[in-house]
Amino acid sequence: MIEFHLDGRSGVSPYQQIVQQVRNALRLGLLRKGDQLPTVKDVVAALAINPNTVLKAYRELEHEGLVQARPGRGTFVTRTLTDNTLAAHGPLRQDLRRWLAKARKAGLDDESIEALFLTTFRSAALEDLA
């Protein structure tokens, strides 16, 4: 089962962070069709957030057709976002872990690593468009 976490420094609303974490888990095959999301009560207890925040996230996911609420039973995954690239994730994840270790060894903190990755990612994406 997925465990949510919130980053208060991200500038992204808590409900959007929950939605994105579910989407990522669906994309990476960590959540599969039929899996149950944590109950609203459990998420509220774990993250100390308003129940309406969790409900809003779950409603958005339901609107996208990714989950379905079953009254009295919970919220369940109805489809995934995995594709035929899932098999490539393992080796790529290992490469990324090695890169992260090198970045930390070079003295970069988490925020610097994230900034370097995101700016490089965006720059490469723009070059691909050109």
N, C-alpha and C. Protein backbone atom coordinates (compact mmCIF):
# COMPACT_ATOMS: atom_id res chain seq x y z
N MET A 1 0.85 -1.18 0.00
CA MET A 1 0.00 0.00 0.00
C MET A 1 0.89 1.24 0.00
N ILE A 2 0.47 2.25 -0.70
CA ILE A 2 1.21 3.50 -0.80
C ILE A 2 1.17 4.25 0.53
N GLU A 3 2.28 4.89 0.87
CA GLU A 3 2.34 5.78 2.03
C GLU A 3 2.65 7.17 1.51
N PHE A 4 1.78 8.10 1.81
CA PHE A 4 1.95 9.46 1.32
C PHE A 4 2.89 10.23 2.23
N HIS A 5 3.55 11.21 1.63
CA HIS A 5 4.37 12.15 2.38
C HIS A 5 4.15 13.53 1.76
N LEU A 6 4.28 14.55 2.57
CA LEU A 6 4.08 15.92 2.10
C LEU A 6 5.37 16.71 2.27
N ASP A 7 5.64 17.56 1.30
CA ASP A 7 6.79 18.46 1.34
C ASP A 7 6.26 19.88 1.43
N GLY A 8 6.34 20.45 2.62
CA GLY A 8 5.83 21.80 2.84
C GLY A 8 6.62 22.86 2.10
N ARG A 9 7.82 22.54 1.64
CA ARG A 9 8.66 23.51 0.94
C ARG A 9 8.46 23.49 -0.57
N SER A 10 7.67 22.54 -1.06
CA SER A 10 7.56 22.35 -2.51
C SER A 10 6.77 23.44 -3.22
N GLY A 11 5.88 24.10 -2.49
CA GLY A 11 5.02 25.08 -3.14
C GLY A 11 3.83 24.44 -3.83
N VAL A 12 3.72 23.12 -3.74
CA VAL A 12 2.61 22.39 -4.34
C VAL A 12 1.61 22.07 -3.23
N SER A 13 0.33 22.28 -3.50
CA SER A 13 -0.68 22.07 -2.48
C SER A 13 -0.68 20.61 -2.03
N PRO A 14 -1.05 20.36 -0.78
CA PRO A 14 -1.07 18.98 -0.27
C PRO A 14 -1.93 18.03 -1.11
N TYR A 15 -3.09 18.48 -1.55
CA TYR A 15 -3.94 17.58 -2.32
C TYR A 15 -3.28 17.22 -3.64
N GLN A 16 -2.60 18.18 -4.26
CA GLN A 16 -1.91 17.90 -5.53
C GLN A 16 -0.72 16.96 -5.31
N GLN A 17 -0.07 17.08 -4.16
CA GLN A 17 1.03 16.16 -3.87
C GLN A 17 0.51 14.73 -3.76
N ILE A 18 -0.63 14.56 -3.13
CA ILE A 18 -1.23 13.22 -3.01
C ILE A 18 -1.60 12.69 -4.39
N VAL A 19 -2.24 13.51 -5.20
CA VAL A 19 -2.61 13.11 -6.56
C VAL A 19 -1.37 12.69 -7.35
N GLN A 20 -0.32 13.50 -7.28
CA GLN A 20 0.90 13.20 -8.03
C GLN A 20 1.57 11.93 -7.54
N GLN A 21 1.54 11.69 -6.24
CA GLN A 21 2.15 10.47 -5.71
C GLN A 21 1.39 9.23 -6.17
N VAL A 22 0.08 9.33 -6.25
CA VAL A 22 -0.70 8.19 -6.77
C VAL A 22 -0.40 7.99 -8.25
N ARG A 23 -0.39 9.07 -9.01
CA ARG A 23 -0.08 8.95 -10.45
C ARG A 23 1.30 8.32 -10.65
N ASN A 24 2.29 8.77 -9.88
CA ASN A 24 3.64 8.21 -10.01
C ASN A 24 3.64 6.73 -9.67
N ALA A 25 2.95 6.35 -8.61
CA ALA A 25 2.89 4.94 -8.22
C ALA A 25 2.21 4.10 -9.30
N LEU A 26 1.20 4.67 -9.94
CA LEU A 26 0.52 3.96 -11.04
C LEU A 26 1.43 3.85 -12.26
N ARG A 27 2.20 4.89 -12.51
CA ARG A 27 3.11 4.91 -13.66
C ARG A 27 4.27 3.93 -13.47
N LEU A 28 4.72 3.77 -12.23
CA LEU A 28 5.88 2.92 -11.94
C LEU A 28 5.50 1.49 -11.59
N GLY A 29 4.20 1.20 -11.62
CA GLY A 29 3.76 -0.16 -11.32
C GLY A 29 3.74 -0.48 -9.83
N LEU A 30 3.85 0.53 -8.98
CA LEU A 30 3.82 0.31 -7.53
C LEU A 30 2.39 0.11 -7.04
N LEU A 31 1.44 0.65 -7.77
CA LEU A 31 0.02 0.40 -7.52
C LEU A 31 -0.55 -0.28 -8.75
N ARG A 32 -1.38 -1.27 -8.52
CA ARG A 32 -1.98 -2.02 -9.62
C ARG A 32 -3.50 -1.99 -9.51
N LYS A 33 -4.14 -2.34 -10.59
CA LYS A 33 -5.60 -2.40 -10.63
C LYS A 33 -6.07 -3.30 -9.49
N GLY A 34 -7.03 -2.80 -8.71
CA GLY A 34 -7.58 -3.55 -7.58
C GLY A 34 -6.96 -3.20 -6.25
N ASP A 35 -5.79 -2.56 -6.25
CA ASP A 35 -5.16 -2.15 -4.99
C ASP A 35 -6.00 -1.08 -4.31
N GLN A 36 -5.97 -1.10 -2.99
CA GLN A 36 -6.73 -0.12 -2.22
C GLN A 36 -5.81 1.01 -1.77
N LEU A 37 -6.29 2.23 -1.91
CA LEU A 37 -5.58 3.38 -1.37
C LEU A 37 -5.82 3.43 0.14
N PRO A 38 -4.93 4.09 0.88
CA PRO A 38 -5.17 4.24 2.31
C PRO A 38 -6.50 4.96 2.55
N THR A 39 -7.16 4.63 3.64
CA THR A 39 -8.41 5.31 3.95
C THR A 39 -8.14 6.78 4.25
N VAL A 40 -9.15 7.59 4.07
CA VAL A 40 -9.01 9.02 4.38
C VAL A 40 -8.57 9.17 5.84
N LYS A 41 -9.19 8.40 6.71
CA LYS A 41 -8.86 8.46 8.13
C LYS A 41 -7.38 8.15 8.38
N ASP A 42 -6.85 7.15 7.71
CA ASP A 42 -5.44 6.79 7.88
C ASP A 42 -4.51 7.88 7.35
N VAL A 43 -4.85 8.47 6.21
CA VAL A 43 -4.02 9.54 5.64
C VAL A 43 -4.04 10.76 6.56
N VAL A 44 -5.22 11.10 7.06
CA VAL A 44 -5.34 12.24 7.97
C VAL A 44 -4.48 12.02 9.21
N ALA A 45 -4.53 10.80 9.76
CA ALA A 45 -3.76 10.49 10.96
C ALA A 45 -2.25 10.54 10.68
N ALA A 46 -1.84 10.03 9.52
CA ALA A 46 -0.41 9.97 9.19
C ALA A 46 0.17 11.33 8.85
N LEU A 47 -0.62 12.18 8.18
CA LEU A 47 -0.09 13.46 7.68
C LEU A 47 -0.56 14.67 8.45
N ALA A 48 -1.51 14.48 9.36
CA ALA A 48 -2.07 15.59 10.13
C ALA A 48 -2.61 16.68 9.20
N ILE A 49 -3.47 16.28 8.26
CA ILE A 49 -4.09 17.23 7.35
C ILE A 49 -5.60 17.10 7.43
N ASN A 50 -6.27 18.05 6.83
CA ASN A 50 -7.73 18.08 6.83
C ASN A 50 -8.28 16.94 5.97
N PRO A 51 -9.31 16.25 6.44
CA PRO A 51 -9.91 15.18 5.64
C PRO A 51 -10.38 15.65 4.26
N ASN A 52 -10.83 16.90 4.18
CA ASN A 52 -11.30 17.42 2.89
C ASN A 52 -10.18 17.48 1.85
N THR A 53 -8.94 17.65 2.32
CA THR A 53 -7.79 17.66 1.41
C THR A 53 -7.63 16.30 0.76
N VAL A 54 -7.73 15.25 1.55
CA VAL A 54 -7.59 13.88 1.04
C VAL A 54 -8.77 13.57 0.13
N LEU A 55 -9.97 13.94 0.55
CA LEU A 55 -11.16 13.69 -0.27
C LEU A 55 -11.06 14.39 -1.62
N LYS A 56 -10.53 15.62 -1.63
CA LYS A 56 -10.38 16.35 -2.88
C LYS A 56 -9.41 15.62 -3.81
N ALA A 57 -8.31 15.12 -3.26
CA ALA A 57 -7.34 14.38 -4.06
C ALA A 57 -7.98 13.11 -4.62
N TYR A 58 -8.66 12.36 -3.78
CA TYR A 58 -9.28 11.12 -4.21
C TYR A 58 -10.37 11.38 -5.25
N ARG A 59 -11.13 12.48 -5.09
CA ARG A 59 -12.16 12.82 -6.08
C ARG A 59 -11.52 13.14 -7.43
N GLU A 60 -10.40 13.86 -7.42
CA GLU A 60 -9.73 14.18 -8.68
C GLU A 60 -9.25 12.89 -9.37
N LEU A 61 -8.68 11.99 -8.60
CA LEU A 61 -8.23 10.72 -9.16
C LEU A 61 -9.40 9.91 -9.70
N GLU A 62 -10.54 9.99 -9.01
CA GLU A 62 -11.73 9.28 -9.48
C GLU A 62 -12.25 9.92 -10.76
N HIS A 63 -12.23 11.24 -10.82
CA HIS A 63 -12.67 11.96 -12.02
C HIS A 63 -11.81 11.57 -13.22
N GLU A 64 -10.52 11.29 -12.98
CA GLU A 64 -9.60 10.90 -14.05
C GLU A 64 -9.76 9.42 -14.42
N GLY A 65 -10.61 8.71 -13.69
CA GLY A 65 -10.83 7.30 -13.97
C GLY A 65 -9.74 6.38 -13.45
N LEU A 66 -8.94 6.87 -12.52
CA LEU A 66 -7.83 6.07 -11.99
C LEU A 66 -8.23 5.26 -10.77
N VAL A 67 -9.20 5.76 -10.01
CA VAL A 67 -9.66 5.06 -8.81
C VAL A 67 -11.18 5.12 -8.75
N GLN A 68 -11.73 4.28 -7.88
CA GLN A 68 -13.18 4.28 -7.66
C GLN A 68 -13.43 4.13 -6.17
N ALA A 69 -14.27 5.01 -5.64
CA ALA A 69 -14.67 4.92 -4.24
C ALA A 69 -15.79 3.90 -4.12
N ARG A 70 -15.66 3.02 -3.16
CA ARG A 70 -16.71 2.05 -2.86
C ARG A 70 -17.19 2.32 -1.45
N PRO A 71 -18.38 2.91 -1.31
CA PRO A 71 -18.88 3.30 0.01
C PRO A 71 -18.77 2.17 1.03
N GLY A 72 -18.18 2.51 2.16
CA GLY A 72 -18.02 1.56 3.25
C GLY A 72 -16.86 0.59 3.08
N ARG A 73 -16.21 0.62 1.90
CA ARG A 73 -15.12 -0.32 1.64
C ARG A 73 -13.79 0.36 1.41
N GLY A 74 -13.82 1.54 0.78
CA GLY A 74 -12.57 2.25 0.51
C GLY A 74 -12.48 2.72 -0.93
N THR A 75 -11.28 3.13 -1.29
CA THR A 75 -11.00 3.64 -2.64
C THR A 75 -10.01 2.70 -3.30
N PHE A 76 -10.35 2.24 -4.51
CA PHE A 76 -9.58 1.21 -5.18
C PHE A 76 -9.10 1.67 -6.55
N VAL A 77 -7.92 1.21 -6.94
CA VAL A 77 -7.35 1.53 -8.24
C VAL A 77 -8.16 0.81 -9.32
N THR A 78 -8.54 1.56 -10.36
CA THR A 78 -9.30 0.97 -11.46
C THR A 78 -8.46 0.79 -12.72
N ARG A 79 -7.36 1.53 -12.83
CA ARG A 79 -6.45 1.33 -13.96
C ARG A 79 -5.08 1.89 -13.61
N THR A 80 -4.08 1.45 -14.35
CA THR A 80 -2.73 1.91 -14.09
C THR A 80 -2.28 2.84 -15.20
N LEU A 81 -1.11 3.39 -15.03
CA LEU A 81 -0.52 4.26 -16.05
C LEU A 81 0.79 3.66 -16.58
N THR A 82 1.03 2.38 -16.28
CA THR A 82 2.25 1.74 -16.77
C THR A 82 2.15 1.54 -18.28
N ASP A 83 3.31 1.44 -18.88
CA ASP A 83 3.35 1.18 -20.32
C ASP A 83 4.46 0.17 -20.60
N ASN A 84 4.82 0.02 -21.84
CA ASN A 84 5.81 -0.99 -22.20
C ASN A 84 7.24 -0.61 -21.80
N THR A 85 7.44 0.56 -21.19
CA THR A 85 8.78 0.96 -20.75
C THR A 85 9.07 0.49 -19.32
N LEU A 86 8.10 -0.13 -18.67
CA LEU A 86 8.26 -0.54 -17.27
C LEU A 86 9.49 -1.42 -17.06
N ALA A 87 9.80 -2.29 -18.00
CA ALA A 87 10.96 -3.19 -17.87
C ALA A 87 12.27 -2.42 -17.82
N ALA A 88 12.31 -1.24 -18.43
CA ALA A 88 13.54 -0.44 -18.44
C ALA A 88 13.77 0.31 -17.14
N HIS A 89 12.76 0.38 -16.29
CA HIS A 89 12.87 1.17 -15.07
C HIS A 89 13.96 0.68 -14.13
N GLY A 90 14.09 -0.63 -13.96
CA GLY A 90 15.07 -1.18 -13.02
C GLY A 90 16.49 -0.72 -13.31
N PRO A 91 17.00 -0.97 -14.52
CA PRO A 91 18.36 -0.53 -14.84
C PRO A 91 18.53 0.99 -14.77
N LEU A 92 17.51 1.71 -15.20
CA LEU A 92 17.59 3.17 -15.13
C LEU A 92 17.62 3.66 -13.69
N ARG A 93 16.84 3.01 -12.83
CA ARG A 93 16.84 3.37 -11.41
C ARG A 93 18.22 3.12 -10.80
N GLN A 94 18.86 2.02 -11.19
CA GLN A 94 20.21 1.74 -10.68
C GLN A 94 21.19 2.81 -11.14
N ASP A 95 21.10 3.20 -12.41
CA ASP A 95 21.97 4.28 -12.92
C ASP A 95 21.73 5.57 -12.16
N LEU A 96 20.47 5.87 -11.90
CA LEU A 96 20.12 7.10 -11.18
C LEU A 96 20.64 7.05 -9.74
N ARG A 97 20.54 5.89 -9.10
CA ARG A 97 21.09 5.75 -7.74
C ARG A 97 22.59 6.00 -7.72
N ARG A 98 23.30 5.48 -8.73
CA ARG A 98 24.75 5.73 -8.81
C ARG A 98 25.03 7.22 -9.00
N TRP A 99 24.24 7.86 -9.86
CA TRP A 99 24.41 9.28 -10.09
C TRP A 99 24.15 10.07 -8.79
N LEU A 100 23.10 9.69 -8.06
CA LEU A 100 22.80 10.36 -6.79
C LEU A 100 23.94 10.19 -5.80
N ALA A 101 24.50 9.01 -5.73
CA ALA A 101 25.63 8.77 -4.83
C ALA A 101 26.82 9.66 -5.21
N LYS A 102 27.08 9.80 -6.52
CA LYS A 102 28.17 10.67 -6.97
C LYS A 102 27.89 12.13 -6.61
N ALA A 103 26.64 12.54 -6.77
CA ALA A 103 26.28 13.92 -6.45
C ALA A 103 26.46 14.19 -4.95
N ARG A 104 26.05 13.25 -4.12
CA ARG A 104 26.22 13.42 -2.67
C ARG A 104 27.70 13.41 -2.29
N LYS A 105 28.45 12.54 -2.94
CA LYS A 105 29.89 12.47 -2.66
C LYS A 105 30.58 13.78 -3.05
N ALA A 106 30.02 14.45 -4.08
CA ALA A 106 30.55 15.74 -4.51
C ALA A 106 30.14 16.87 -3.58
N GLY A 107 29.29 16.55 -2.58
CA GLY A 107 28.92 17.55 -1.58
C GLY A 107 27.58 18.23 -1.82
N LEU A 108 26.82 17.79 -2.80
CA LEU A 108 25.53 18.42 -3.06
C LEU A 108 24.50 17.95 -2.04
N ASP A 109 23.69 18.89 -1.55
CA ASP A 109 22.58 18.53 -0.66
C ASP A 109 21.36 18.21 -1.52
N ASP A 110 20.28 17.77 -0.86
CA ASP A 110 19.09 17.34 -1.60
C ASP A 110 18.53 18.43 -2.51
N GLU A 111 18.48 19.66 -1.99
CA GLU A 111 17.92 20.75 -2.80
C GLU A 111 18.79 21.05 -4.02
N SER A 112 20.10 20.98 -3.86
CA SER A 112 21.00 21.21 -4.98
C SER A 112 20.88 20.10 -6.02
N ILE A 113 20.77 18.86 -5.54
CA ILE A 113 20.60 17.73 -6.45
C ILE A 113 19.31 17.90 -7.24
N GLU A 114 18.23 18.24 -6.54
CA GLU A 114 16.95 18.42 -7.22
C GLU A 114 17.02 19.56 -8.23
N ALA A 115 17.64 20.67 -7.86
CA ALA A 115 17.76 21.81 -8.77
C ALA A 115 18.58 21.43 -10.01
N LEU A 116 19.68 20.71 -9.80
CA LEU A 116 20.51 20.29 -10.91
C LEU A 116 19.75 19.36 -11.84
N PHE A 117 19.06 18.40 -11.26
CA PHE A 117 18.30 17.46 -12.08
C PHE A 117 17.21 18.18 -12.87
N LEU A 118 16.40 19.00 -12.19
CA LEU A 118 15.28 19.65 -12.86
C LEU A 118 15.73 20.61 -13.96
N THR A 119 16.77 21.39 -13.70
CA THR A 119 17.23 22.32 -14.73
C THR A 119 17.82 21.56 -15.92
N THR A 120 18.54 20.48 -15.66
CA THR A 120 19.10 19.68 -16.73
C THR A 120 17.99 18.99 -17.52
N PHE A 121 17.00 18.46 -16.80
CA PHE A 121 15.87 17.80 -17.43
C PHE A 121 15.13 18.77 -18.35
N ARG A 122 14.84 19.95 -17.84
CA ARG A 122 14.09 20.95 -18.64
C ARG A 122 14.92 21.44 -19.82
N SER A 123 16.20 21.65 -19.60
CA SER A 123 17.07 22.10 -20.68
C SER A 123 17.14 21.06 -21.79
N ALA A 124 17.27 19.80 -21.43
CA ALA A 124 17.31 18.72 -22.42
C ALA A 124 15.99 18.63 -23.17
N ALA A 125 14.88 18.81 -22.46
CA ALA A 125 13.57 18.75 -23.10
C ALA A 125 13.42 19.88 -24.12
N LEU A 126 13.91 21.06 -23.78
CA LEU A 126 13.84 22.18 -24.72
C LEU A 126 14.73 21.94 -25.92
N GLU A 127 15.90 21.34 -25.71
CA GLU A 127 16.78 21.02 -26.83
C GLU A 127 16.15 20.00 -27.77
N ASP A 128 15.42 19.05 -27.19
CA ASP A 128 14.73 18.04 -28.01
C ASP A 128 13.65 18.67 -28.87
N LEU A 129 13.05 19.77 -28.40
CA LEU A 129 12.00 20.43 -29.17
C LEU A 129 12.59 21.24 -30.33
N ALA A 130 13.82 21.65 -30.17
CA ALA A 130 14.45 22.51 -31.18
C ALA A 130 14.86 21.75 -32.41
